[in-house]
PDB file of N, CA and C in Angstrom:
ATOM      1  N   MET A   1      83.753 112.520 112.971  1.00  0.00           N
ATOM      2  CA  MET A   1      84.728 111.830 113.804  1.00  0.00           C
ATOM      3  C   MET A   1      86.005 112.671 113.829  1.00  0.00           C
ATOM      4  N   SER A   2      86.527 112.895 115.019  1.00  0.00           N
ATOM      5  CA  SER A   2      87.762 113.662 115.157  1.00  0.00           C
ATOM      6  C   SER A   2      88.960 112.827 114.691  1.00  0.00           C
ATOM      7  N   LYS A   3      90.084 113.497 114.492  1.00  0.00           N
ATOM      8  CA  LYS A   3      91.310 112.788 114.112  1.00  0.00           C
ATOM      9  C   LYS A   3      91.675 111.769 115.180  1.00  0.00           C
ATOM     10  N   ARG A   4      91.566 112.190 116.432  1.00  0.00           N
ATOM     11  CA  ARG A   4      91.897 111.291 117.543  1.00  0.00           C
ATOM     12  C   ARG A   4      91.028 110.038 117.507  1.00  0.00           C
ATOM     13  N   GLU A   5      89.726 110.218 117.340  1.00  0.00           N
ATOM     14  CA  GLU A   5      88.808 109.076 117.282  1.00  0.00           C
ATOM     15  C   GLU A   5      89.102 108.184 116.081  1.00  0.00           C
ATOM     16  N   ALA A   6      89.427 108.797 114.945  1.00  0.00           N
ATOM     17  CA  ALA A   6      89.743 108.025 113.742  1.00  0.00           C
ATOM     18  C   ALA A   6      91.022 107.211 113.925  1.00  0.00           C
ATOM     19  N   ILE A   7      92.015 107.802 114.574  1.00  0.00           N
ATOM     20  CA  ILE A   7      93.266 107.087 114.820  1.00  0.00           C
ATOM     21  C   ILE A   7      93.041 105.926 115.783  1.00  0.00           C
ATOM     22  N   ILE A   8      92.280 106.162 116.838  1.00  0.00           N
ATOM     23  CA  ILE A   8      91.975 105.096 117.793  1.00  0.00           C
ATOM     24  C   ILE A   8      91.237 103.957 117.105  1.00  0.00           C
ATOM     25  N   LYS A   9      90.260 104.292 116.287  1.00  0.00           N
ATOM     26  CA  LYS A   9      89.488 103.271 115.550  1.00  0.00           C
ATOM     27  C   LYS A   9      90.419 102.453 114.649  1.00  0.00           C
ATOM     28  N   TYR A  10      91.298 103.131 113.913  1.00  0.00           N
ATOM     29  CA  TYR A  10      92.212 102.436 113.027  1.00  0.00           C
ATOM     30  C   TYR A  10      93.108 101.470 113.808  1.00  0.00           C
ATOM     31  N   ILE A  11      93.696 101.949 114.904  1.00  0.00           N
ATOM     32  CA  ILE A  11      94.594 101.099 115.689  1.00  0.00           C
ATOM     33  C   ILE A  11      93.842  99.889 116.235  1.00  0.00           C
ATOM     34  N   ARG A  12      92.656 100.109 116.743  1.00  0.00           N
ATOM     35  CA  ARG A  12      91.871  98.989 117.288  1.00  0.00           C
ATOM     36  C   ARG A  12      91.559  97.952 116.212  1.00  0.00           C
ATOM     37  N   GLU A  13      91.411  98.388 114.980  1.00  0.00           N
ATOM     38  CA  GLU A  13      91.156  97.451 113.882  1.00  0.00           C
ATOM     39  C   GLU A  13      92.414  96.675 113.488  1.00  0.00           C
ATOM     40  N   GLN A  14      93.586  97.236 113.787  1.00  0.00           N
ATOM     41  CA  GLN A  14      94.843  96.630 113.345  1.00  0.00           C
ATOM     42  C   GLN A  14      95.500  95.708 114.361  1.00  0.00           C
ATOM     43  N   VAL A  15      95.297  95.959 115.636  1.00  0.00           N
ATOM     44  CA  VAL A  15      95.982  95.145 116.650  1.00  0.00           C
ATOM     45  C   VAL A  15      95.043  94.085 117.205  1.00  0.00           C
ATOM     46  N   ASP A  16      95.622  92.995 117.632  1.00  0.00           N
ATOM     47  CA  ASP A  16      94.846  91.855 118.102  1.00  0.00           C
ATOM     48  C   ASP A  16      94.582  91.866 119.598  1.00  0.00           C
ATOM     49  N   GLU A  17      95.052  92.882 120.284  1.00  0.00           N
ATOM     50  CA  GLU A  17      94.885  92.916 121.731  1.00  0.00           C
ATOM     51  C   GLU A  17      94.112  94.160 122.133  1.00  0.00           C
ATOM     52  N   GLU A  18      93.720  94.204 123.391  1.00  0.00           N
ATOM     53  CA  GLU A  18      93.037  95.387 123.910  1.00  0.00           C
ATOM     54  C   GLU A  18      93.968  96.588 123.780  1.00  0.00           C
ATOM     55  N   PHE A  19      93.408  97.690 123.442  1.00  0.00           N
ATOM     56  CA  PHE A  19      94.195  98.905 123.245  1.00  0.00           C
ATOM     57  C   PHE A  19      93.530 100.074 123.945  1.00  0.00           C
ATOM     58  N   GLU A  20      94.315 100.799 124.710  1.00  0.00           N
ATOM     59  CA  GLU A  20      93.849 102.021 125.355  1.00  0.00           C
ATOM     60  C   GLU A  20      94.606 103.188 124.729  1.00  0.00           C
ATOM     61  N   PRO A  21      93.945 104.307 124.474  1.00  0.00           N
ATOM     62  CA  PRO A  21      94.582 105.435 123.782  1.00  0.00           C
ATOM     63  C   PRO A  21      95.853 105.976 124.418  1.00  0.00           C
ATOM     64  N   ASP A  22      96.029 105.801 125.731  1.00  0.00           N
ATOM     65  CA  ASP A  22      97.243 106.299 126.371  1.00  0.00           C
ATOM     66  C   ASP A  22      98.362 105.257 126.405  1.00  0.00           C
ATOM     67  N   GLN A  23      98.112 104.125 125.801  1.00  0.00           N
ATOM     68  CA  GLN A  23      99.087 103.033 125.765  1.00  0.00           C
ATOM     69  C   GLN A  23     100.203 103.349 124.762  1.00  0.00           C
ATOM     70  N   ASP A  24     101.419 102.921 125.082  1.00  0.00           N
ATOM     71  CA  ASP A  24     102.561 103.102 124.193  1.00  0.00           C
ATOM     72  C   ASP A  24     102.339 102.278 122.925  1.00  0.00           C
ATOM     73  N   LEU A  25     102.301 102.955 121.789  1.00  0.00           N
ATOM     74  CA  LEU A  25     102.003 102.271 120.529  1.00  0.00           C
ATOM     75  C   LEU A  25     103.081 101.269 120.150  1.00  0.00           C
ATOM     76  N   LEU A  26     104.299 101.516 120.568  1.00  0.00           N
ATOM     77  CA  LEU A  26     105.378 100.593 120.234  1.00  0.00           C
ATOM     78  C   LEU A  26     105.283  99.285 121.016  1.00  0.00           C
ATOM     79  N   ASP A  27     104.475  99.267 122.061  1.00  0.00           N
ATOM     80  CA  ASP A  27     104.244  98.031 122.810  1.00  0.00           C
ATOM     81  C   ASP A  27     103.235  97.119 122.112  1.00  0.00           C
ATOM     82  N   ILE A  28     102.425  97.686 121.232  1.00  0.00           N
ATOM     83  CA  ILE A  28     101.374  96.880 120.599  1.00  0.00           C
ATOM     84  C   ILE A  28     101.545  96.733 119.095  1.00  0.00           C
ATOM     85  N   MET A  29     102.462  97.503 118.506  1.00  0.00           N
ATOM     86  CA  MET A  29     102.672  97.444 117.056  1.00  0.00           C
ATOM     87  C   MET A  29     104.049  96.894 116.740  1.00  0.00           C
ATOM     88  N   ASP A  30     104.099  95.989 115.776  1.00  0.00           N
ATOM     89  CA  ASP A  30     105.403  95.569 115.282  1.00  0.00           C
ATOM     90  C   ASP A  30     105.824  96.562 114.194  1.00  0.00           C
ATOM     91  N   SER A  31     106.986  96.372 113.618  1.00  0.00           N
ATOM     92  CA  SER A  31     107.513  97.346 112.660  1.00  0.00           C
ATOM     93  C   SER A  31     106.635  97.474 111.415  1.00  0.00           C
ATOM     94  N   VAL A  32     106.078  96.389 110.947  1.00  0.00           N
ATOM     95  CA  VAL A  32     105.213  96.437 109.761  1.00  0.00           C
ATOM     96  C   VAL A  32     103.926  97.193 110.069  1.00  0.00           C
ATOM     97  N   THR A  33     103.324  96.898 111.211  1.00  0.00           N
ATOM     98  CA  THR A  33     102.094  97.581 111.605  1.00  0.00           C
ATOM     99  C   THR A  33     102.340  99.069 111.802  1.00  0.00           C
ATOM    100  N   LEU A  34     103.474  99.420 112.379  1.00  0.00           N
ATOM    101  CA  LEU A  34     103.811 100.823 112.577  1.00  0.00           C
ATOM    102  C   LEU A  34     103.984 101.533 111.229  1.00  0.00           C
ATOM    103  N   LEU A  35     104.645 100.887 110.298  1.00  0.00           N
ATOM    104  CA  LEU A  35     104.816 101.460 108.966  1.00  0.00           C
ATOM    105  C   LEU A  35     103.456 101.648 108.286  1.00  0.00           C
ATOM    106  N   GLN A  36     102.594 100.661 108.379  1.00  0.00           N
ATOM    107  CA  GLN A  36     101.252 100.772 107.812  1.00  0.00           C
ATOM    108  C   GLN A  36     100.471 101.907 108.469  1.00  0.00           C
ATOM    109  N   PHE A  37     100.653 102.080 109.761  1.00  0.00           N
ATOM    110  CA  PHE A  37     100.005 103.164 110.492  1.00  0.00           C
ATOM    111  C   PHE A  37     100.472 104.522 109.968  1.00  0.00           C
ATOM    112  N   MET A  38     101.771 104.671 109.760  1.00  0.00           N
ATOM    113  CA  MET A  38     102.299 105.935 109.241  1.00  0.00           C
ATOM    114  C   MET A  38     101.768 106.221 107.835  1.00  0.00           C
ATOM    115  N   VAL A  39     101.704 105.203 106.998  1.00  0.00           N
ATOM    116  CA  VAL A  39     101.144 105.371 105.652  1.00  0.00           C
ATOM    117  C   VAL A  39      99.671 105.755 105.745  1.00  0.00           C
ATOM    118  N   HIS A  40      98.947 105.132 106.649  1.00  0.00           N
ATOM    119  CA  HIS A  40      97.534 105.458 106.860  1.00  0.00           C
ATOM    120  C   HIS A  40      97.369 106.932 107.245  1.00  0.00           C
ATOM    121  N   ILE A  41      98.197 107.409 108.156  1.00  0.00           N
ATOM    122  CA  ILE A  41      98.131 108.814 108.571  1.00  0.00           C
ATOM    123  C   ILE A  41      98.374 109.728 107.369  1.00  0.00           C
ATOM    124  N   GLU A  42      99.405 109.440 106.607  1.00  0.00           N
ATOM    125  CA  GLU A  42      99.723 110.287 105.456  1.00  0.00           C
ATOM    126  C   GLU A  42      98.600 110.287 104.423  1.00  0.00           C
ATOM    127  N   GLN A  43      98.082 109.134 104.103  1.00  0.00           N
ATOM    128  CA  GLN A  43      97.077 109.024 103.054  1.00  0.00           C
ATOM    129  C   GLN A  43      95.705 109.534 103.476  1.00  0.00           C
ATOM    130  N   ASN A  44      95.348 109.346 104.729  1.00  0.00           N
ATOM    131  CA  ASN A  44      93.998 109.688 105.154  1.00  0.00           C
ATOM    132  C   ASN A  44      93.858 111.063 105.784  1.00  0.00           C
ATOM    133  N   PHE A  45      94.977 111.654 106.181  1.00  0.00           N
ATOM    134  CA  PHE A  45      94.905 112.958 106.822  1.00  0.00           C
ATOM    135  C   PHE A  45      95.679 114.028 106.068  1.00  0.00           C
ATOM    136  N   GLY A  46      96.290 113.653 104.959  1.00  0.00           N
ATOM    137  CA  GLY A  46      96.967 114.638 104.129  1.00  0.00           C
ATOM    138  C   GLY A  46      98.193 115.274 104.756  1.00  0.00           C
ATOM    139  N   VAL A  47      98.864 114.548 105.619  1.00  0.00           N
ATOM    140  CA  VAL A  47     100.103 115.059 106.212  1.00  0.00           C
ATOM    141  C   VAL A  47     101.280 114.256 105.676  1.00  0.00           C
ATOM    142  N   THR A  48     102.444 114.835 105.760  1.00  0.00           N
ATOM    143  CA  THR A  48     103.666 114.136 105.387  1.00  0.00           C
ATOM    144  C   THR A  48     104.507 113.966 106.639  1.00  0.00           C
ATOM    145  N   ILE A  49     104.898 112.746 106.904  1.00  0.00           N
ATOM    146  CA  ILE A  49     105.748 112.467 108.055  1.00  0.00           C
ATOM    147  C   ILE A  49     107.191 112.516 107.578  1.00  0.00           C
ATOM    148  N   ASP A  50     107.898 113.507 108.040  1.00  0.00           N
ATOM    149  CA  ASP A  50     109.288 113.707 107.666  1.00  0.00           C
ATOM    150  C   ASP A  50     110.182 112.742 108.442  1.00  0.00           C
ATOM    151  N   ARG A  51     111.284 112.372 107.853  1.00  0.00           N
ATOM    152  CA  ARG A  51     112.226 111.470 108.527  1.00  0.00           C
ATOM    153  C   ARG A  51     112.640 111.995 109.895  1.00  0.00           C
ATOM    154  N   SER A  52     112.771 113.299 110.005  1.00  0.00           N
ATOM    155  CA  SER A  52     113.196 113.892 111.275  1.00  0.00           C
ATOM    156  C   SER A  52     112.148 113.705 112.374  1.00  0.00           C
ATOM    157  N   GLU A  53     110.918 113.373 111.994  1.00  0.00           N
ATOM    158  CA  GLU A  53     109.848 113.165 112.962  1.00  0.00           C
ATOM    159  C   GLU A  53     109.731 111.710 113.420  1.00  0.00           C
ATOM    160  N   LEU A  54     110.535 110.842 112.854  1.00  0.00           N
ATOM    161  CA  LEU A  54     110.474 109.422 113.193  1.00  0.00           C
ATOM    162  C   LEU A  54     111.279 109.150 114.461  1.00  0.00           C
ATOM    163  N   MET A  55     110.719 109.594 115.566  1.00  0.00           N
ATOM    164  CA  MET A  55     111.350 109.419 116.869  1.00  0.00           C
ATOM    165  C   MET A  55     110.415 108.602 117.757  1.00  0.00           C
ATOM    166  N   ILE A  56     110.968 107.794 118.599  1.00  0.00           N
ATOM    167  CA  ILE A  56     110.180 106.952 119.500  1.00  0.00           C
ATOM    168  C   ILE A  56     109.182 107.793 120.288  1.00  0.00           C
ATOM    169  N   GLU A  57     109.593 108.962 120.723  1.00  0.00           N
ATOM    170  CA  GLU A  57     108.731 109.827 121.532  1.00  0.00           C
ATOM    171  C   GLU A  57     107.432 110.202 120.813  1.00  0.00           C
ATOM    172  N   ASN A  58     107.458 110.233 119.501  1.00  0.00           N
ATOM    173  CA  ASN A  58     106.267 110.614 118.738  1.00  0.00           C
ATOM    174  C   ASN A  58     105.235 109.494 118.641  1.00  0.00           C
ATOM    175  N   PHE A  59     105.564 108.312 119.136  1.00  0.00           N
ATOM    176  CA  PHE A  59     104.652 107.171 119.051  1.00  0.00           C
ATOM    177  C   PHE A  59     104.361 106.580 120.432  1.00  0.00           C
ATOM    178  N   GLU A  60     104.497 107.396 121.459  1.00  0.00           N
ATOM    179  CA  GLU A  60     104.254 106.917 122.821  1.00  0.00           C
ATOM    180  C   GLU A  60     102.773 106.728 123.120  1.00  0.00           C
ATOM    181  N   SER A  61     101.916 107.440 122.411  1.00  0.00           N
ATOM    182  CA  SER A  61     100.474 107.312 122.609  1.00  0.00           C
ATOM    183  C   SER A  61      99.760 107.971 121.439  1.00  0.00           C
ATOM    184  N   VAL A  62      98.465 107.844 121.412  1.00  0.00           N
ATOM    185  CA  VAL A  62      97.674 108.508 120.375  1.00  0.00           C
ATOM    186  C   VAL A  62      97.888 110.018 120.463  1.00  0.00           C
ATOM    187  N   ASP A  63      97.903 110.543 121.665  1.00  0.00           N
ATOM    188  CA  ASP A  63      98.070 111.987 121.831  1.00  0.00           C
ATOM    189  C   ASP A  63      99.429 112.486 121.350  1.00  0.00           C
ATOM    190  N   THR A  64     100.489 111.711 121.565  1.00  0.00           N
ATOM    191  CA  THR A  64     101.797 112.160 121.074  1.00  0.00           C
ATOM    192  C   THR A  64     101.854 112.111 119.556  1.00  0.00           C
ATOM    193  N   VAL A  65     101.155 111.167 118.940  1.00  0.00           N
ATOM    194  CA  VAL A  65     101.060 111.127 117.477  1.00  0.00           C
ATOM    195  C   VAL A  65     100.367 112.399 116.979  1.00  0.00           C
ATOM    196  N   ILE A  66      99.271 112.754 117.603  1.00  0.00           N
ATOM    197  CA  ILE A  66      98.529 113.948 117.200  1.00  0.00           C
ATOM    198  C   ILE A  66      99.382 115.204 117.402  1.00  0.00           C
ATOM    199  N   GLU A  67     100.044 115.303 118.531  1.00  0.00           N
ATOM    200  CA  GLU A  67     100.900 116.466 118.793  1.00  0.00           C
ATOM    201  C   GLU A  67     102.040 116.559 117.776  1.00  0.00           C
ATOM    202  N   ALA A  68     102.631 115.420 117.431  1.00  0.00           N
ATOM    203  CA  ALA A  68     103.789 115.413 116.532  1.00  0.00           C
ATOM    204  C   ALA A  68     103.406 115.718 115.087  1.00  0.00           C
ATOM    205  N   PHE A  69     102.273 115.212 114.643  1.00  0.00           N
ATOM    206  CA  PHE A  69     101.975 115.298 113.215  1.00  0.00           C
ATOM    207  C   PHE A  69     100.830 116.225 112.838  1.00  0.00           C
ATOM    208  N   PHE A  70     100.052 116.678 113.819  1.00  0.00           N
ATOM    209  CA  PHE A  70      98.895 117.512 113.490  1.00  0.00           C
ATOM    210  C   PHE A  70      98.882 118.873 114.171  1.00  0.00           C
ATOM    211  N   GLU A  71      99.608 119.072 115.232  1.00  0.00           N
ATOM    212  CA  GLU A  71      99.526 120.314 115.988  1.00  0.00           C
ATOM    213  C   GLU A  71     100.020 121.540 115.225  1.00  0.00           C
ATOM    214  N   THR A  72     100.807 121.356 114.206  1.00  0.00           N
ATOM    215  CA  THR A  72     101.323 122.496 113.459  1.00  0.00           C
ATOM    216  C   THR A  72     100.335 122.998 112.414  1.00  0.00           C
ATOM    217  N   GLU A  73      99.217 122.319 112.270  1.00  0.00           N
ATOM    218  CA  GLU A  73      98.222 122.726 111.257  1.00  0.00           C
ATOM    219  C   GLU A  73      97.509 123.977 111.681  1.00  0.00           C
TER     220      GLU A  73
END
């Protein structure tokens, strides 16, 4: 399973509504869910999310999350 597929699967398990990968994550996640999502990324993918990366633009979609936190690998 790719990182993208794993992230989509995780989000679908966490939110109670229909979710499309290009959907703005801030529209479907409350602050607690978003925090849990960030912890999930750090723990399951071995990345560290720096405070400077905590920008709204980085959570606009699954793809922006991947670009923000994984593209530098």
